């Protein structure tokens, strides 16, 4: 309860948590607390209680929130596949307070990876790493169901993971990383009037091609709002090219909607 109060009240210290709860003495009994915990008790709890407690609390709270359907369900596409977006953000920390999180010479930081369900923009999975860690480390923890679609940016480029998803029946939609070597094996006719420049089936030809020898798909499209040309890589060979383009554009709505995290410490 003290940590929930810390988040809701945006407390910056243990003393502020303790004093804040002390001002609510008449209401603490309704929360199962007989009195406000002193600062020393909170400090001891931080040192000796596992963080998994809050992980379990997060997922229980999320499940309860979803069961109430407080945000509703949004279906921007006709296909039935579950659509998710994987993205990360770096949270800057004060290096003096978090020396274990050294990121740059004078800054600390952590990286928060979030898998969000596009239907209700609520997280399905959250994982934290050091800020300097490679984004692809999150794949060791991430488990996706066959038939689902995950949208991600070029920071998660990993040929081996692409190959694993192919075997597991998981679809991905991402940007093609610059300087990626590939060979076109088939050219499809792009739909007219849909901002699609080309639709091709390709195979990788670089030194890491053996990690993903499967046939993939490259859709070149123009963003109708900015005019920017983008190259979209996917292993879904069935959906229309304009739908693949729309799926990647949908990623920006999700990411921008969540915003960025502030500096902590």
Protein backbone atom coordinates (compact mmCIF):
# COMPACT_ATOMS: atom_id res chain seq x y z
CA UNK A 1 0.00 0.00 0.00
CA UNK A 2 2.91 2.33 0.72
CA UNK A 3 4.35 1.84 -2.76
CA UNK A 4 0.96 2.39 -4.39
CA UNK A 5 0.66 5.62 -2.40
CA UNK A 6 4.15 6.56 -3.62
CA UNK A 7 3.06 6.22 -7.26
CA UNK A 8 -0.35 7.88 -6.93
CA UNK A 9 0.96 10.79 -4.83
CA UNK A 10 4.21 11.04 -6.86
CA UNK A 11 6.29 10.96 -3.70
CA UNK A 12 10.04 11.47 -4.18
CA UNK A 13 11.38 10.00 -0.90
CA UNK A 14 10.63 7.51 1.86
CA UNK A 15 10.09 10.37 4.26
CA UNK A 16 7.45 11.84 1.96
CA UNK A 17 5.66 8.48 1.78
CA UNK A 18 5.68 8.06 5.55
CA UNK A 19 4.55 11.62 6.26
CA UNK A 20 1.92 11.52 3.54
CA UNK A 21 0.36 8.33 4.91
CA UNK A 22 0.50 9.78 8.43
CA UNK A 23 -1.80 12.56 7.24
CA UNK A 24 -4.38 9.92 6.30
CA UNK A 25 -4.46 8.06 9.61
CA UNK A 26 -8.25 8.05 9.79
CA UNK A 27 -8.49 6.31 6.41
CA UNK A 28 -5.65 3.76 6.68
CA UNK A 29 -7.83 1.19 8.45
CA UNK A 30 -9.88 0.82 5.28
CA UNK A 31 -6.65 -0.23 3.52
CA UNK A 32 -5.68 -2.77 6.16
CA UNK A 33 -3.08 -0.56 7.85
CA UNK A 34 -3.25 0.24 11.55
CA UNK A 35 -0.75 3.10 11.29
CA UNK A 36 1.57 4.81 8.83
CA UNK A 37 4.87 2.91 8.46
CA UNK A 38 7.98 4.83 9.59
CA UNK A 39 10.78 5.62 7.14
CA UNK A 40 13.05 2.93 8.65
CA UNK A 41 10.42 0.24 8.01
CA UNK A 42 10.10 1.25 4.36
CA UNK A 43 13.87 1.28 3.98
CA UNK A 44 14.14 -2.23 5.44
CA UNK A 45 11.39 -3.46 3.11
CA UNK A 46 13.19 -2.03 0.08
CA UNK A 47 16.38 -3.85 1.08
CA UNK A 48 14.88 -7.24 1.92
CA UNK A 49 11.69 -7.83 -0.06
CA UNK A 50 11.86 -9.14 -3.66
CA UNK A 51 10.78 -6.96 -6.57
CA UNK A 52 8.71 -9.88 -7.93
CA UNK A 53 5.98 -8.81 -5.49
CA UNK A 54 5.37 -5.69 -7.57
CA UNK A 55 5.58 -7.64 -10.82
CA UNK A 56 2.77 -9.89 -9.61
CA UNK A 57 0.82 -6.86 -8.36
CA UNK A 58 1.17 -5.20 -11.77
CA UNK A 59 -0.19 -8.18 -13.71
CA UNK A 60 -3.03 -8.79 -11.21
CA UNK A 61 -4.04 -5.13 -11.45
CA UNK A 62 -3.82 -5.26 -15.23
CA UNK A 63 -6.00 -8.37 -15.38
CA UNK A 64 -8.62 -6.74 -13.17
CA UNK A 65 -8.55 -3.54 -15.24
CA UNK A 66 -9.00 -5.49 -18.48
CA UNK A 67 -11.83 -7.58 -17.05
CA UNK A 68 -13.79 -4.37 -16.44
CA UNK A 69 -13.25 -3.28 -20.07
CA UNK A 70 -12.63 0.28 -18.93
CA UNK A 71 -10.99 1.31 -22.20
CA UNK A 72 -13.07 -0.76 -24.57
CA UNK A 73 -11.69 -2.70 -27.51
CA UNK A 74 -10.58 -1.08 -30.74
CA UNK A 75 -10.43 -3.04 -34.04
CA UNK A 76 -8.74 -0.92 -36.73
CA UNK A 77 -8.30 -3.93 -39.05
CA UNK A 78 -10.55 -6.73 -40.26
CA UNK A 79 -8.18 -9.64 -39.60
CA UNK A 80 -8.63 -11.63 -36.39
CA UNK A 81 -4.96 -11.94 -35.46
CA UNK A 82 -3.99 -10.31 -32.19
CA UNK A 83 -1.95 -7.18 -32.97
CA UNK A 84 0.73 -5.99 -30.54
CA UNK A 85 3.43 -3.33 -30.58
CA UNK A 86 6.87 -3.77 -29.01
CA UNK A 87 8.79 -0.62 -28.19
CA UNK A 88 11.39 0.62 -25.72
CA UNK A 89 12.21 3.92 -24.08
CA UNK A 90 15.28 5.01 -22.13
CA UNK A 91 14.61 6.46 -18.67
CA UNK A 92 17.39 8.78 -17.53
CA UNK A 93 18.53 8.33 -13.91
CA UNK A 94 20.72 10.45 -11.67
CA UNK A 95 24.04 8.59 -11.71
CA UNK A 96 24.85 9.67 -8.14
CA UNK A 97 21.72 7.91 -6.89
CA UNK A 98 21.88 4.91 -9.25
CA UNK A 99 25.59 4.10 -9.85
CA UNK A 100 24.70 0.56 -11.02
CA UNK A 101 22.84 2.03 -13.99
CA UNK A 102 25.81 3.79 -15.62
CA UNK A 103 24.85 4.69 -19.16
CA UNK A 104 27.17 7.50 -20.19
CA UNK A 105 30.07 9.27 -18.51
CA UNK A 106 27.80 11.50 -16.43
CA UNK A 107 24.40 9.86 -16.79
CA UNK A 108 22.63 6.74 -15.63
CA UNK A 109 19.71 5.05 -17.27
CA UNK A 110 17.51 2.02 -17.73
CA UNK A 111 15.59 0.82 -20.76
CA UNK A 112 11.95 -0.17 -20.46
CA UNK A 113 10.58 -2.61 -23.05
CA UNK A 114 6.79 -2.73 -23.32
CA UNK A 115 4.62 -5.02 -25.45
CA UNK A 116 1.28 -3.27 -25.91
CA UNK A 117 -2.01 -4.71 -27.10
CA UNK A 118 -3.21 -2.45 -29.91
CA UNK A 119 -6.85 -3.21 -29.14
CA UNK A 120 -6.91 -1.44 -25.76
CA UNK A 121 -3.39 0.12 -25.62
CA UNK A 122 -2.69 -1.73 -22.37
CA UNK A 123 0.62 -3.57 -21.79
CA UNK A 124 0.84 -7.36 -22.13
CA UNK A 125 4.49 -7.52 -21.08
CA UNK A 126 7.00 -5.19 -19.42
CA UNK A 127 10.74 -5.83 -19.05
CA UNK A 128 13.55 -3.58 -17.80
CA UNK A 129 17.22 -3.76 -18.82
CA UNK A 130 20.27 -1.52 -18.52
CA UNK A 131 20.09 1.40 -20.94
CA UNK A 132 23.24 0.29 -22.76
CA UNK A 133 21.98 -3.29 -23.26
CA UNK A 134 21.09 -4.44 -26.76
CA UNK A 135 17.34 -4.27 -27.43
CA UNK A 136 17.28 -7.85 -28.68
CA UNK A 137 17.96 -9.20 -25.18
CA UNK A 138 14.27 -8.80 -24.47
CA UNK A 139 13.47 -11.71 -26.82
CA UNK A 140 14.72 -14.16 -24.16
CA UNK A 141 11.76 -13.17 -21.98
CA UNK A 142 9.11 -12.53 -24.63
CA UNK A 143 6.63 -15.26 -25.50
CA UNK A 144 4.09 -14.71 -28.30
CA UNK A 145 1.22 -16.96 -29.32
CA UNK A 146 1.09 -18.48 -32.82
CA UNK A 147 -0.93 -16.35 -35.21
CA UNK A 148 -0.27 -13.08 -33.39
CA UNK A 149 1.33 -10.09 -35.12
CA UNK A 150 4.07 -8.03 -33.44
CA UNK A 151 5.12 -4.64 -34.80
CA UNK A 152 8.58 -3.35 -33.90
CA UNK A 153 11.19 -0.86 -35.05
CA UNK A 154 14.64 -1.46 -36.53
CA UNK A 155 16.29 -1.49 -33.09
CA UNK A 156 15.01 -5.03 -32.64
CA UNK A 157 16.59 -6.31 -35.87
CA UNK A 158 17.58 -9.94 -35.29
CA UNK A 159 17.73 -12.50 -38.12
CA UNK A 160 17.75 -15.43 -35.69
CA UNK A 161 14.59 -14.18 -34.00
CA UNK A 162 12.91 -13.71 -37.38
CA UNK A 163 13.69 -17.35 -38.12
CA UNK A 164 12.35 -18.47 -34.74
CA UNK A 165 9.10 -16.57 -35.26
CA UNK A 166 8.69 -18.20 -38.66
CA UNK A 167 8.93 -21.64 -37.04
CA UNK A 168 6.57 -20.64 -34.20
CA UNK A 169 3.92 -19.21 -36.51
CA UNK A 170 4.31 -15.66 -35.19
CA UNK A 171 4.08 -12.77 -37.66
CA UNK A 172 6.26 -9.66 -37.44
CA UNK A 173 6.11 -6.27 -39.17
CA UNK A 174 9.16 -4.00 -38.98
CA UNK A 175 11.34 -1.59 -40.94
CA UNK A 176 14.08 -3.05 -43.09
CA UNK A 177 17.44 -2.17 -41.62
CA UNK A 178 19.77 -0.17 -43.84
CA UNK A 179 22.42 -2.11 -45.76
CA UNK A 180 20.52 -5.40 -45.39
CA UNK A 181 21.53 -7.74 -48.22
CA UNK A 182 18.70 -9.61 -49.96
CA UNK A 183 17.56 -11.03 -53.29
CA UNK A 184 14.14 -10.47 -54.89
CA UNK A 185 12.54 -13.76 -55.92
CA UNK A 186 9.09 -12.48 -56.92
CA UNK A 187 7.48 -9.15 -57.72
CA UNK A 188 3.81 -8.67 -56.97
CA UNK A 189 1.52 -6.08 -58.50
CA UNK A 190 0.94 -3.33 -55.91
CA UNK A 191 -2.59 -1.99 -55.39
CA UNK A 192 -3.31 1.28 -57.15
CA UNK A 193 -4.16 4.42 -55.20
CA UNK A 194 -2.99 2.96 -51.86
CA UNK A 195 0.43 4.66 -51.49
CA UNK A 196 2.18 1.32 -52.19
CA UNK A 197 5.26 1.59 -54.44
CA UNK A 198 6.17 -2.11 -54.63
CA UNK A 199 5.43 -5.50 -53.10
CA UNK A 200 8.19 -8.14 -53.34
CA UNK A 201 9.09 -11.55 -51.95
CA UNK A 202 12.73 -11.70 -50.87
CA UNK A 203 15.35 -13.89 -49.17
CA UNK A 204 18.33 -12.66 -47.18
CA UNK A 205 21.76 -13.14 -48.77
CA UNK A 206 24.18 -11.73 -46.18
CA UNK A 207 26.43 -13.64 -43.78
CA UNK A 208 23.59 -14.01 -41.27
CA UNK A 209 21.08 -15.23 -43.87
CA UNK A 210 21.40 -18.79 -42.57
CA UNK A 211 19.63 -17.69 -39.37
CA UNK A 212 16.52 -16.83 -41.40
CA UNK A 213 16.49 -18.71 -44.73
CA UNK A 214 12.73 -18.33 -45.18
CA UNK A 215 10.94 -16.27 -47.80
CA UNK A 216 10.00 -12.83 -46.47
CA UNK A 217 8.12 -9.89 -47.88
CA UNK A 218 9.25 -6.32 -48.54
CA UNK A 219 6.59 -3.65 -49.00
CA UNK A 220 7.71 -0.18 -50.05
CA UNK A 221 5.19 2.51 -49.21
CA UNK A 222 4.80 6.27 -48.92
CA UNK A 223 3.47 7.80 -45.73
CA UNK A 224 0.43 9.79 -46.93
CA UNK A 225 0.92 12.42 -44.20
CA UNK A 226 4.67 13.06 -44.44
CA UNK A 227 5.55 11.78 -47.90
CA UNK A 228 8.36 9.67 -46.40
CA UNK A 229 9.23 6.44 -48.21
CA UNK A 230 9.47 3.42 -45.91
CA UNK A 231 10.56 -0.18 -46.47
CA UNK A 232 8.49 -2.60 -44.41
CA UNK A 233 9.69 -6.15 -43.77
CA UNK A 234 7.28 -8.91 -42.77
CA UNK A 235 6.87 -12.67 -42.85
CA UNK A 236 3.12 -12.40 -43.50
CA UNK A 237 2.61 -13.28 -47.15
CA UNK A 238 -1.20 -13.25 -47.13
CA UNK A 239 -2.42 -9.82 -45.96
CA UNK A 240 -2.71 -7.03 -48.54
CA UNK A 241 0.22 -4.68 -49.02
CA UNK A 242 -1.85 -1.69 -47.93
CA UNK A 243 -2.82 -3.56 -44.73
CA UNK A 244 0.84 -4.28 -43.97
CA UNK A 245 1.60 -0.59 -44.45
CA UNK A 246 -1.35 0.36 -42.24
CA UNK A 247 -0.17 -1.99 -39.50
CA UNK A 248 3.18 -0.24 -39.32
CA UNK A 249 1.56 3.22 -39.33
CA UNK A 250 -0.66 2.04 -36.46
CA UNK A 251 2.53 1.53 -34.44
CA UNK A 252 3.08 5.29 -34.36
CA UNK A 253 -0.38 5.90 -32.90
CA UNK A 254 0.38 3.45 -30.06
CA UNK A 255 3.91 4.71 -29.34
CA UNK A 256 3.04 8.42 -29.48
CA UNK A 257 -0.05 7.79 -27.36
CA UNK A 258 2.09 6.37 -24.57
CA UNK A 259 4.51 9.30 -24.70
CA UNK A 260 7.92 9.38 -23.04
CA UNK A 261 9.07 8.89 -19.48
CA UNK A 262 10.57 11.70 -17.36
CA UNK A 263 13.99 11.90 -15.75
CA UNK A 264 14.06 10.13 -12.38
CA UNK A 265 16.25 10.86 -9.34
